[in-house]
Every structure is written in C-alpha cells, then in structure tokens.
Amino acid sequence: MIGQQHHESGAHFAFTDRWGGVSAAPYDQLNLGGAVGDDPHAVHANRSRAATALGLDPAAVVWMNQVHGRDVAVVDGPWQGDVPAVDAVVTERRGLALAVLTADCTPVLLADPVAGVAGAAHAGRPGLVAGVVPAVVEAMVKRGAEPARIIAYTGPAICGRCYEVPEAMRSDVAAVVPEARATTSWGTPAVDVTAGVRAQLAAQGVLVREDSHICTRESADHFSYRRDRTTGRLASYVWLGDDTPGPGPGEATS
C-alpha cells in the first residue's frame, strides 16, 4: 500500500503503490484519483485506508484539482467546497498532509522543517515547462523557507528511457529545460521530467535528497497512464509532524 516512506527532522514523505485498496479493474486496487472514472465510494475508502496507514486523519489531507499549470495555493486546512484548479500547494500547518496524484508525472515533495513550511507539486511535462517547480519553491521562500534547508523528494514517475515524444515536443521542452532532453531505450526522442525537475530545483538552490528509482511505466506495482490509459492514480504525501523542530534560539526563519 505505502511503497516508500521517509522521515527527516520531523518532515514526513510517503509514496503509494497500487496495492491494498478496494477498487476493481482497471483501477485495481488502491486508486486514489477521484476523476478517472472509478467508483467514488471506492476512492473514498482507498483514501481513508492510505491515510490511516500513514497515521493521518483522512479528513486532514489536501488534494488538488490538477490541470498541468503553475498555480500555487497556500492552505491551512482541507478545502471547503470545490477543490480549485492548482498544481502546487504550500502549508505552514503541522499535521496537514499535502497530496499529489500521478500516474507517470513527477510528484515533488518539499519541506523546510525549521521554518515549518511544506510544499507539494504535480510536475508533468506541461507543468515542468510552465514552471510549477520554481513557483512552489518561491511560495515556500515567501513564508520563511530557505532553499538550502529544504528537503526534497521526487516520487515514482515515467523515466526518460520510456517517455517517448515527437521530436518537436522534445525540442520545445529542452528549449526551456535542457536537462529534460532524453532518448528512449529504443532510440527515439524522449523527455525526462524528473531530470528536469531536479535541474529546476537546483537552480533555486534546492537539492533533491532522493529521486525514486521506480519508473511507473516499467513497474507492474504502479499505475501508468502511458502504459494502460484507463487506470488509477498513485498519491505522494508530505507533512510536518508535531516532532518538527522550530527555529533555535536566535535563529530566524526568513
């Protein structure tokens, strides 16, 4: 159910796989996406199961209406009413989990435990080009985060060896993010979104602690839109626990 978990200085990062849920094929089993055609009751049950497995209150998870843009929302609790169309969220609320839904795109999780700021972004190819990654870092910095102090993880995503695109599309992406230029294992043009994310973070002064080694298209344990088209969505979570250290004596957060 929870494929990977990391804890650092009171910051928590978690990534799901596709198992341990109640959804029927082709969304089997732990589909966490509410806009892919699955039974809403199954999605609700799956989200509750995943949150409980992480020790989270299912009602204290912030989801996004992801549209491949660069807009960032600052949140202090779950949405009331309609979920806005954003591809990144930032919070200073401890215990509030930020969630990213993916099935090939790169989930980006960020936390500055000293400043008490966490952020999450959904970075597919369009969002990478639009600049959602620098946008979420900038929003965190405005709230006291320091780039050199930010802990960053990326989650399971399609790799550059598998993400085939037309040559013109590769050129358009590489014109904005040269590091995303790639070639498939069979020798055709490709995009490596995770490499592009890593480069954009580095340009902001943020180093990725760990890239996931999992390619969603290659892994039978993960959902992949490229591989299956009609399928479920994985979730990646970041939150600051009550054990998160605050600034020390005389230490500013901005």
Protein backbone atom coordinates (compact mmCIF):
# COMPACT_ATOMS: atom_id res chain seq x y z
CA MET A 1 0.00 0.00 0.00
CA ILE A 2 2.65 2.50 1.07
CA GLY A 3 5.51 1.84 -1.30
CA GLN A 4 8.04 4.18 0.31
CA GLN A 5 8.24 6.33 3.44
CA HIS A 6 10.88 8.76 4.64
CA HIS A 7 11.15 10.79 7.84
CA GLU A 8 13.66 13.60 8.30
CA SER A 9 13.76 16.13 11.13
CA GLY A 10 10.01 15.84 11.65
CA ALA A 11 9.21 16.08 7.95
CA HIS A 12 7.34 13.10 6.53
CA PHE A 13 7.27 11.88 2.92
CA ALA A 14 5.28 8.92 1.60
CA PHE A 15 4.51 7.33 -1.77
CA THR A 16 1.83 4.73 -2.51
CA ASP A 17 1.88 1.79 -4.87
CA ARG A 18 -1.25 0.28 -6.45
CA TRP A 19 -1.98 -2.46 -3.91
CA GLY A 20 -4.12 -2.77 -0.78
CA GLY A 21 -7.25 -0.97 -1.92
CA VAL A 22 -10.81 -1.86 -2.90
CA SER A 23 -11.10 -0.59 -6.48
CA ALA A 24 -11.99 -3.04 -9.25
CA ALA A 25 -10.10 -3.39 -12.53
CA PRO A 26 -8.85 -1.40 -14.36
CA TYR A 27 -8.33 0.80 -11.27
CA ASP A 28 -7.21 -2.08 -9.07
CA GLN A 29 -6.59 -1.72 -6.27
CA LEU A 30 -5.52 1.43 -4.43
CA ASN A 31 -6.73 4.09 -6.85
CA LEU A 32 -6.61 7.47 -5.09
CA GLY A 33 -7.73 9.61 -8.03
CA GLY A 34 -11.27 10.92 -7.99
CA ALA A 35 -11.52 11.98 -11.65
CA VAL A 36 -10.54 8.84 -13.56
CA GLY A 37 -13.91 7.05 -13.75
CA ASP A 38 -13.62 4.88 -10.65
CA ASP A 39 -16.45 4.35 -8.13
CA PRO A 40 -16.34 7.40 -5.80
CA HIS A 41 -17.08 5.17 -2.80
CA ALA A 42 -14.03 3.03 -3.62
CA VAL A 43 -11.84 6.13 -3.96
CA HIS A 44 -13.06 7.43 -0.60
CA ALA A 45 -12.35 4.07 1.03
CA ASN A 46 -8.90 3.94 -0.55
CA ARG A 47 -8.01 7.45 0.60
CA SER A 48 -9.10 6.54 4.12
CA ARG A 49 -7.02 3.36 4.07
CA ALA A 50 -3.91 5.14 2.83
CA ALA A 51 -4.21 7.95 5.37
CA THR A 52 -4.80 5.53 8.23
CA ALA A 53 -1.75 3.51 7.20
CA LEU A 54 0.30 6.71 7.45
CA GLY A 55 -1.14 7.69 10.82
CA LEU A 56 -3.02 10.61 9.26
CA ASP A 57 -6.58 11.80 9.69
CA PRO A 58 -8.20 11.16 6.27
CA ALA A 59 -10.04 14.46 6.65
CA ALA A 60 -6.74 16.34 7.10
CA VAL A 61 -5.33 15.69 3.62
CA VAL A 62 -5.29 18.41 0.96
CA TRP A 63 -5.92 17.17 -2.59
CA MET A 64 -5.67 19.24 -5.77
CA ASN A 65 -7.66 19.61 -8.97
CA GLN A 66 -4.55 19.22 -11.14
CA VAL A 67 -4.56 20.90 -14.56
CA HIS A 68 -0.87 20.89 -15.61
CA GLY A 69 -0.38 24.55 -14.74
CA ARG A 70 1.88 26.51 -12.38
CA ASP A 71 -0.61 27.99 -9.91
CA VAL A 72 0.18 27.52 -6.21
CA ALA A 73 -2.34 27.65 -3.35
CA VAL A 74 -1.40 28.35 0.26
CA VAL A 75 -3.58 26.27 2.56
CA ASP A 76 -4.17 25.90 6.29
CA GLY A 77 -6.77 23.13 6.06
CA PRO A 78 -8.74 20.94 3.65
CA TRP A 79 -10.82 22.73 1.03
CA GLN A 80 -14.34 23.81 1.88
CA GLY A 81 -16.45 23.19 -1.21
CA ASP A 82 -14.96 22.89 -4.68
CA VAL A 83 -11.30 21.98 -5.00
CA PRO A 84 -9.54 24.71 -7.00
CA ALA A 85 -7.50 24.07 -10.14
CA VAL A 86 -3.91 24.24 -8.89
CA ASP A 87 -0.83 22.10 -9.36
CA ALA A 88 1.01 23.01 -6.17
CA VAL A 89 0.12 23.62 -2.54
CA VAL A 90 2.05 25.06 0.39
CA THR A 91 1.22 24.99 4.10
CA GLU A 92 2.60 26.11 7.44
CA ARG A 93 0.13 23.88 9.29
CA ARG A 94 1.70 20.97 11.15
CA GLY A 95 -0.09 17.67 10.68
CA LEU A 96 -1.78 18.82 7.46
CA ALA A 97 -0.78 16.47 4.65
CA LEU A 98 -0.40 17.72 1.08
CA ALA A 99 -1.12 15.11 -1.62
CA VAL A 100 -0.14 14.84 -5.28
CA LEU A 101 -1.89 12.44 -7.69
CA THR A 102 0.15 10.89 -10.51
CA ALA A 103 0.28 8.03 -12.99
CA ASP A 104 3.54 8.94 -14.84
CA CYS A 105 4.01 12.63 -13.94
CA THR A 106 6.60 13.52 -11.30
CA PRO A 107 5.37 14.22 -7.76
CA VAL A 108 7.56 16.77 -5.98
CA LEU A 109 7.55 16.90 -2.18
CA LEU A 110 9.32 19.66 -0.25
CA ALA A 111 9.75 20.62 3.41
CA ASP A 112 11.77 23.08 5.47
CA PRO A 113 11.24 21.71 8.99
CA VAL A 114 12.98 24.66 10.66
CA ALA A 115 10.75 27.25 9.01
CA GLY A 116 7.76 24.93 9.38
CA VAL A 117 6.81 25.08 5.71
CA ALA A 118 5.88 22.18 3.41
CA GLY A 119 5.06 22.15 -0.29
CA ALA A 120 3.94 19.69 -2.94
CA ALA A 121 3.78 19.97 -6.72
CA HIS A 122 2.44 17.97 -9.66
CA ALA A 123 5.03 18.19 -12.43
CA GLY A 124 4.15 16.65 -15.74
CA ARG A 125 5.71 17.77 -18.99
CA PRO A 126 3.42 20.85 -19.37
CA GLY A 127 3.83 21.84 -15.71
CA LEU A 128 7.60 21.47 -15.96
CA VAL A 129 7.66 23.87 -18.91
CA ALA A 130 5.17 26.24 -17.23
CA GLY A 131 7.40 26.48 -14.15
CA VAL A 132 5.36 24.88 -11.37
CA VAL A 133 8.55 23.76 -9.61
CA PRO A 134 10.17 27.21 -9.19
CA ALA A 135 6.71 28.59 -8.38
CA VAL A 136 6.24 26.27 -5.38
CA VAL A 137 9.76 26.97 -4.10
CA GLU A 138 9.16 30.72 -4.36
CA ALA A 139 5.91 30.38 -2.43
CA MET A 140 7.73 28.47 0.32
CA VAL A 141 10.54 31.04 0.48
CA LYS A 142 7.98 33.83 0.90
CA ARG A 143 6.89 32.00 4.05
CA GLY A 144 10.34 31.72 5.56
CA ALA A 145 11.81 28.62 3.93
CA GLU A 146 15.45 28.67 2.93
CA PRO A 147 16.27 26.81 -0.30
CA ALA A 148 19.45 25.24 1.09
CA ARG A 149 17.45 23.88 4.02
CA ILE A 150 14.56 22.44 2.00
CA ILE A 151 14.37 18.65 1.98
CA ALA A 152 13.17 17.49 -1.45
CA TYR A 153 11.98 14.14 -2.74
CA THR A 154 10.55 13.10 -6.09
CA GLY A 155 8.35 10.03 -6.39
CA PRO A 156 7.64 7.24 -8.88
CA ALA A 157 7.34 8.62 -12.42
CA ILE A 158 7.89 7.59 -16.00
CA CYS A 159 11.59 7.60 -16.79
CA GLY A 160 13.36 9.28 -19.69
CA ARG A 161 14.01 5.90 -21.31
CA CYS A 162 10.25 5.31 -21.59
CA TYR A 163 8.63 8.71 -22.16
CA GLU A 164 8.62 8.92 -25.94
CA VAL A 165 7.50 12.20 -27.54
CA PRO A 166 7.70 13.73 -31.03
CA GLU A 167 10.98 15.45 -31.82
CA ALA A 168 9.31 18.86 -31.96
CA MET A 169 7.92 18.38 -28.46
CA ARG A 170 11.29 17.29 -27.10
CA SER A 171 12.85 20.41 -28.64
CA ASP A 172 10.18 22.65 -27.12
CA VAL A 173 10.76 21.18 -23.65
CA ALA A 174 14.56 21.27 -23.97
CA ALA A 175 14.42 24.93 -25.01
CA VAL A 176 13.05 25.69 -21.54
CA VAL A 177 14.65 22.89 -19.50
CA PRO A 178 17.68 21.47 -21.37
CA GLU A 179 18.24 18.79 -18.74
CA ALA A 180 14.91 17.16 -19.62
CA ARG A 181 16.11 16.21 -23.10
CA ALA A 182 16.27 12.41 -23.34
CA THR A 183 16.24 9.43 -25.67
CA THR A 184 14.19 6.27 -25.23
CA SER A 185 15.84 2.90 -24.76
CA TRP A 186 14.81 2.18 -28.36
CA GLY A 187 16.48 5.32 -29.72
CA THR A 188 13.62 7.80 -30.25
CA PRO A 189 13.08 11.32 -28.82
CA ALA A 190 12.01 11.43 -25.17
CA VAL A 191 11.57 13.72 -22.18
CA ASP A 192 12.93 13.04 -18.68
CA VAL A 193 10.61 15.08 -16.49
CA THR A 194 12.29 14.08 -13.23
CA ALA A 195 15.69 15.21 -14.52
CA GLY A 196 14.08 18.50 -15.47
CA VAL A 197 12.54 18.86 -12.01
CA ARG A 198 15.89 18.16 -10.39
CA ALA A 199 17.54 20.83 -12.55
CA GLN A 200 14.85 23.42 -11.79
CA LEU A 201 15.15 22.76 -8.07
CA ALA A 202 18.94 23.05 -8.24
CA ALA A 203 18.58 26.41 -9.99
CA GLN A 204 16.52 27.54 -6.97
CA GLY A 205 19.20 26.28 -4.57
CA VAL A 206 17.30 23.12 -3.59
CA LEU A 207 18.99 19.73 -3.80
CA VAL A 208 16.86 16.59 -4.21
CA ARG A 209 17.52 14.21 -1.34
CA GLU A 210 16.29 11.23 -3.31
CA ASP A 211 14.76 10.53 -6.71
CA SER A 212 12.57 7.47 -6.82
CA HIS A 213 14.22 4.63 -8.73
CA ILE A 214 10.77 3.44 -9.89
CA CYS A 215 9.60 4.01 -13.46
CA THR A 216 5.82 3.82 -13.43
CA ARG A 217 5.61 2.53 -16.99
CA GLU A 218 8.00 -0.32 -16.21
CA SER A 219 6.61 -1.23 -12.77
CA ALA A 220 3.62 -3.55 -12.52
CA ASP A 221 3.19 -2.31 -8.94
CA HIS A 222 2.37 1.24 -10.05
CA PHE A 223 -0.27 2.94 -12.19
CA SER A 224 0.86 4.24 -15.58
CA TYR A 225 -1.29 6.27 -17.94
CA ARG A 226 1.21 5.79 -20.75
CA ARG A 227 1.08 2.02 -20.36
CA ASP A 228 -2.61 1.44 -19.61
CA ARG A 229 -4.51 4.66 -20.46
CA THR A 230 -7.55 3.84 -18.30
CA THR A 231 -6.04 3.30 -14.87
CA GLY A 232 -5.81 4.58 -11.30
CA ARG A 233 -3.67 7.23 -9.67
CA LEU A 234 -0.90 6.99 -7.10
CA ALA A 235 -0.54 9.51 -4.28
CA SER A 236 2.50 11.15 -2.76
CA TYR A 237 2.19 12.87 0.63
CA VAL A 238 4.25 15.38 2.59
CA TRP A 239 3.52 16.76 6.06
CA LEU A 240 5.22 18.26 9.08
CA GLY A 241 4.74 16.27 12.27
CA ASP A 242 4.43 17.53 15.79
CA ASP A 243 8.04 16.44 16.25
CA THR A 244 9.22 19.04 13.71
CA PRO A 245 11.89 21.30 15.25
CA GLY A 246 11.29 25.01 15.19
CA PRO A 247 13.96 27.73 14.98
CA GLY A 248 16.62 27.53 17.66
CA PRO A 249 17.49 30.42 20.00
CA GLY A 250 18.37 33.43 17.91
CA GLU A 251 17.67 31.62 14.63
CA ALA A 252 15.40 33.40 12.19
CA THR A 253 13.17 31.55 9.76
CA SER A 254 13.50 34.08 6.96
